[in-house]
Amino acid sequence: MKFLGIDFGWRSQPSGLCCLTLQNKILHLLDLTRLDEVEAVLSWVDAQVSAQEPALIAVDAPTLIPNDSGMRLPDRLAHKYFGRYHAGCYPANLGSPFATRTLELGLSLEARGFCHAPTLIAQQPGRYQIEVFPHPAMVHLFKLERILKYKKGELAERRVELLKLRQYILDILPTLEPALNLSTLQGNNSLPKVPQTGRDLKELEDKLDSLICAYVAAHWWYWGIERNLVLGDRTTGYIVVPDPFNRTRPI
């Protein structure tokens, strides 16, 4: 079973992309990259997962938007449960400038057989897609008291926060179930180093966000509702959040 993470560029910016594979209950990194165009993202999906091959794709973008205005139910629930961690999400509606782009991505994945899976039977192979949001996922996975603020602020401050994220990935995700193995044949870890410049920092940010998305996909498939939360549903839109330590009561 493969697990793909797409940190999607909501407007026109590049998308971070990650592919993990599960073998003997261990996740291994197959690809970690960044691409510009939506067509390139979809071609990457096709290259990672052949026709009819089982996989679960986790997208950091609102791919279901039923409301003409205001906030979706999952957006409101994200603020309710994760606002105190500074992890409330950006509201989405059909009037949002990114709506057409993100909806079309979800439809393109559905056309490839990846059905929305706000509910599923744990560890049952299939072709699924879910919406995720890295910030609340990190709060739960890493037991944070607030989000890692690597997206805004001075370059030096963002770099420090991104260093923290990279180290959390290396230290914690290998200890969870399913465990993430990032070791190479040479004994080193396979994550890129944190760079010094702003442009390179943004590229690594997108890649690490996509890795978190891919891990959330694996965690959802592996545990289902037992160790995950679902904010919303297929009708209202939804966001899947891992909760391996039962930090938040069920929605």
Protein backbone atom coordinates (compact mmCIF):
# COMPACT_ATOMS: atom_id res chain seq x y z
CA MET A 1 0.00 0.00 0.00
CA LYS A 2 1.29 3.45 -0.94
CA PHE A 3 0.55 6.76 0.73
CA LEU A 4 0.91 10.05 -1.11
CA GLY A 5 1.00 13.49 0.43
CA ILE A 6 0.22 16.60 -1.60
CA ASP A 7 0.92 19.98 0.01
CA PHE A 8 -1.07 21.65 -2.74
CA GLY A 9 -0.42 25.15 -4.05
CA TRP A 10 -3.89 26.62 -3.54
CA ARG A 11 -3.45 29.51 -5.96
CA SER A 12 -0.49 29.15 -8.32
CA GLN A 13 2.50 28.32 -6.14
CA PRO A 14 4.33 24.97 -6.33
CA SER A 15 3.16 21.84 -4.51
CA GLY A 16 5.20 19.64 -2.19
CA LEU A 17 4.88 15.92 -2.93
CA CYS A 18 5.74 12.82 -0.92
CA CYS A 19 5.27 9.11 -1.53
CA LEU A 20 5.59 6.49 1.23
CA THR A 21 5.19 2.74 0.94
CA LEU A 22 4.22 0.34 3.74
CA GLN A 23 6.17 -2.89 3.99
CA ASN A 24 5.94 -5.19 7.02
CA LYS A 25 4.32 -2.41 9.08
CA ILE A 26 7.20 0.00 8.30
CA LEU A 27 6.85 3.08 6.10
CA HIS A 28 9.65 3.86 3.68
CA LEU A 29 10.22 7.06 1.75
CA LEU A 30 10.03 6.57 -2.02
CA ASP A 31 9.96 10.16 -3.25
CA LEU A 32 10.05 13.71 -1.86
CA THR A 33 9.83 16.49 -4.42
CA ARG A 34 8.17 19.75 -5.45
CA LEU A 35 6.44 20.59 -8.74
CA ASP A 36 4.90 23.73 -10.21
CA GLU A 37 1.93 22.90 -12.43
CA VAL A 38 -1.23 20.97 -11.51
CA GLU A 39 -0.71 18.79 -14.58
CA ALA A 40 2.77 17.92 -13.32
CA VAL A 41 1.33 17.02 -9.91
CA LEU A 42 -1.20 14.67 -11.52
CA SER A 43 1.48 13.14 -13.74
CA TRP A 44 3.55 12.54 -10.61
CA VAL A 45 0.57 10.76 -9.01
CA ASP A 46 0.22 8.59 -12.12
CA ALA A 47 3.93 7.74 -12.00
CA GLN A 48 3.85 6.79 -8.32
CA VAL A 49 0.64 4.74 -8.43
CA SER A 50 -0.19 2.63 -11.45
CA ALA A 51 -3.79 2.11 -12.60
CA GLN A 52 -5.75 0.01 -10.08
CA GLU A 53 -2.84 -0.02 -7.59
CA PRO A 54 -4.06 0.63 -4.01
CA ALA A 55 -3.06 3.94 -2.47
CA LEU A 56 -4.34 6.69 -0.21
CA ILE A 57 -3.69 10.31 -1.14
CA ALA A 58 -3.79 13.03 1.53
CA VAL A 59 -4.22 16.56 0.21
CA ASP A 60 -3.61 19.75 2.15
CA ALA A 61 -6.32 21.74 0.36
CA PRO A 62 -10.13 21.99 0.47
CA THR A 63 -11.18 19.53 -2.24
CA LEU A 64 -14.83 19.48 -1.11
CA ILE A 65 -16.51 22.89 -0.73
CA PRO A 66 -20.33 22.74 -0.46
CA ASN A 67 -20.92 26.27 0.93
CA ASP A 68 -21.39 29.38 -1.19
CA SER A 69 -20.01 31.68 1.50
CA GLY A 70 -18.68 31.67 5.04
CA MET A 71 -16.84 28.72 6.56
CA ARG A 72 -17.22 25.00 6.05
CA LEU A 73 -18.04 22.83 9.06
CA PRO A 74 -14.52 21.32 9.17
CA ASP A 75 -13.03 24.83 9.18
CA ARG A 76 -15.17 25.79 12.18
CA LEU A 77 -14.31 22.57 13.99
CA ALA A 78 -10.61 23.11 13.36
CA HIS A 79 -10.85 26.50 15.07
CA LYS A 80 -12.92 25.04 17.91
CA TYR A 81 -10.53 22.21 18.74
CA PHE A 82 -7.19 23.56 17.58
CA GLY A 83 -7.50 27.35 17.80
CA ARG A 84 -5.77 27.34 21.19
CA TYR A 85 -2.73 25.82 19.49
CA HIS A 86 -2.87 28.54 16.76
CA ALA A 87 -3.88 25.75 14.36
CA GLY A 88 -7.18 27.03 13.03
CA CYS A 89 -7.45 26.62 9.27
CA TYR A 90 -8.14 29.11 6.48
CA PRO A 91 -11.88 29.24 5.66
CA ALA A 92 -13.04 27.93 2.30
CA ASN A 93 -16.18 28.68 0.30
CA LEU A 94 -17.17 28.65 -3.36
CA GLY A 95 -16.40 32.35 -3.61
CA SER A 96 -12.79 31.84 -2.54
CA PRO A 97 -10.23 32.64 -5.27
CA PHE A 98 -8.66 29.18 -4.91
CA ALA A 99 -11.92 27.18 -4.94
CA THR A 100 -11.93 26.18 -8.61
CA ARG A 101 -8.30 25.05 -8.48
CA THR A 102 -8.64 22.92 -5.32
CA LEU A 103 -11.98 21.41 -6.33
CA GLU A 104 -10.60 20.42 -9.72
CA LEU A 105 -7.72 18.61 -8.05
CA GLY A 106 -10.16 16.53 -6.00
CA LEU A 107 -12.22 15.76 -9.10
CA SER A 108 -9.10 14.79 -11.06
CA LEU A 109 -8.16 12.34 -8.31
CA GLU A 110 -11.70 10.95 -8.26
CA ALA A 111 -11.47 10.41 -12.03
CA ARG A 112 -8.43 8.23 -11.29
CA GLY A 113 -10.47 6.13 -8.88
CA PHE A 114 -9.42 7.79 -5.63
CA CYS A 115 -12.72 8.14 -3.76
CA HIS A 116 -13.16 10.41 -0.76
CA ALA A 117 -12.71 8.43 2.46
CA PRO A 118 -13.89 10.33 5.56
CA THR A 119 -14.86 6.83 6.70
CA LEU A 120 -13.04 3.60 5.88
CA ILE A 121 -12.32 0.13 7.20
CA ALA A 122 -8.82 0.18 8.66
CA GLN A 123 -6.16 -1.61 6.60
CA GLN A 124 -8.49 -2.44 3.73
CA PRO A 125 -6.68 -1.86 0.41
CA GLY A 126 -8.31 0.54 -2.00
CA ARG A 127 -7.87 3.85 -3.81
CA TYR A 128 -8.77 6.74 -1.52
CA GLN A 129 -8.26 10.45 -1.04
CA ILE A 130 -8.68 12.56 2.08
CA GLU A 131 -8.26 16.20 3.06
CA VAL A 132 -5.71 16.89 5.79
CA PHE A 133 -4.17 19.91 7.51
CA PRO A 134 -0.55 19.62 8.70
CA HIS A 135 -0.70 22.03 11.65
CA PRO A 136 -3.23 20.16 13.85
CA ALA A 137 -1.65 16.88 12.69
CA MET A 138 1.71 18.04 14.06
CA VAL A 139 0.10 19.24 17.29
CA HIS A 140 -1.15 15.70 17.91
CA LEU A 141 1.74 13.70 16.49
CA PHE A 142 4.43 15.70 18.31
CA LYS A 143 2.43 16.66 21.45
CA LEU A 144 2.89 20.37 20.78
CA GLU A 145 1.50 23.18 22.92
CA ARG A 146 1.43 25.46 19.85
CA ILE A 147 2.15 25.11 16.18
CA LEU A 148 5.65 25.35 14.75
CA LYS A 149 5.67 28.82 13.18
CA TYR A 150 7.92 28.22 10.18
CA LYS A 151 5.63 29.86 7.62
CA LYS A 152 5.78 33.50 8.76
CA GLY A 153 8.24 35.84 10.42
CA GLU A 154 11.92 36.63 10.01
CA LEU A 155 14.02 34.19 8.02
CA ALA A 156 16.13 33.20 11.03
CA GLU A 157 13.02 32.50 13.12
CA ARG A 158 11.41 30.43 10.36
CA ARG A 159 14.61 28.45 9.96
CA VAL A 160 14.71 27.60 13.67
CA GLU A 161 11.11 26.38 13.56
CA LEU A 162 11.78 24.32 10.43
CA LEU A 163 14.80 22.76 12.14
CA LYS A 164 12.45 21.74 14.96
CA LEU A 165 9.98 20.19 12.50
CA ARG A 166 12.72 18.22 10.76
CA GLN A 167 14.00 16.90 14.09
CA TYR A 168 10.50 15.95 15.28
CA ILE A 169 10.02 13.97 12.08
CA LEU A 170 13.32 12.17 12.63
CA ASP A 171 12.83 11.56 16.35
CA ILE A 172 9.10 10.83 16.72
CA LEU A 173 7.61 9.39 13.54
CA PRO A 174 9.93 6.34 13.69
CA THR A 175 8.56 5.59 17.18
CA LEU A 176 4.87 5.59 16.22
CA GLU A 177 2.79 2.87 14.58
CA PRO A 178 3.13 2.67 11.66
CA ALA A 179 6.77 3.65 12.04
CA LEU A 180 8.51 5.80 9.46
CA ASN A 181 11.95 4.61 8.42
CA LEU A 182 14.06 7.41 6.97
CA SER A 183 17.42 5.62 7.07
CA THR A 184 19.33 5.17 3.84
CA LEU A 185 21.53 2.23 2.94
CA GLN A 186 24.49 4.37 4.02
CA GLY A 187 23.01 4.77 7.50
CA ASN A 188 22.11 8.45 7.11
CA ASN A 189 18.61 9.90 7.15
CA SER A 190 17.00 10.73 3.83
CA LEU A 191 15.62 14.16 4.69
CA PRO A 192 17.19 17.24 3.09
CA LYS A 193 19.14 19.58 5.34
CA VAL A 194 17.56 22.89 6.36
CA PRO A 195 18.97 25.57 4.00
CA GLN A 196 19.93 29.18 4.69
CA THR A 197 18.08 31.13 1.97
CA GLY A 198 14.40 32.05 1.91
CA ARG A 199 13.60 30.44 -1.45
CA ASP A 200 15.22 27.15 -0.49
CA LEU A 201 13.59 27.30 2.92
CA LYS A 202 10.15 27.55 1.29
CA GLU A 203 10.92 24.56 -0.91
CA LEU A 204 11.87 22.41 2.10
CA GLU A 205 8.80 23.66 3.97
CA ASP A 206 6.55 22.39 1.17
CA LYS A 207 8.34 19.05 1.04
CA LEU A 208 8.16 18.45 4.80
CA ASP A 209 4.49 19.45 4.85
CA SER A 210 3.85 16.88 2.13
CA LEU A 211 5.66 14.24 4.19
CA ILE A 212 3.37 15.02 7.13
CA CYS A 213 0.38 14.68 4.77
CA ALA A 214 1.61 11.29 3.56
CA TYR A 215 2.15 10.10 7.12
CA VAL A 216 -1.39 11.19 8.08
CA ALA A 217 -2.67 9.19 5.11
CA ALA A 218 -0.87 6.10 6.40
CA HIS A 219 -2.04 6.67 9.97
CA TRP A 220 -5.67 7.03 8.83
CA TRP A 221 -5.53 3.86 6.74
CA TYR A 222 -3.72 1.89 9.45
CA TRP A 223 -5.91 2.86 12.43
CA GLY A 224 -9.14 4.32 11.04
CA ILE A 225 -11.31 6.09 13.58
CA GLU A 226 -9.61 4.31 16.51
CA ARG A 227 -6.69 6.77 16.59
CA ASN A 228 -7.85 9.57 14.30
CA LEU A 229 -10.42 12.36 14.31
CA VAL A 230 -12.61 13.39 11.39
CA LEU A 231 -13.77 17.00 11.39
CA GLY A 232 -16.90 17.05 9.22
CA ASP A 233 -18.08 14.50 6.65
CA ARG A 234 -18.49 13.82 2.93
CA THR A 235 -21.40 16.27 2.64
CA THR A 236 -19.95 19.19 4.61
CA GLY A 237 -16.31 18.68 3.74
CA TYR A 238 -13.93 17.07 6.21
CA ILE A 239 -10.39 17.10 7.59
CA VAL A 240 -8.70 13.97 8.97
CA VAL A 241 -6.46 14.57 12.01
CA PRO A 242 -4.31 11.84 13.58
CA ASP A 243 -4.70 11.43 17.33
CA PRO A 244 -2.35 8.62 18.40
CA PHE A 245 -2.25 9.78 22.04
CA ASN A 246 -5.98 10.58 22.43
CA ARG A 247 -5.33 14.27 23.05
CA THR A 248 -8.74 15.43 21.77
CA ARG A 249 -12.12 13.95 22.60
CA PRO A 250 -14.07 12.46 19.66
CA ILE A 251 -15.98 14.88 17.46
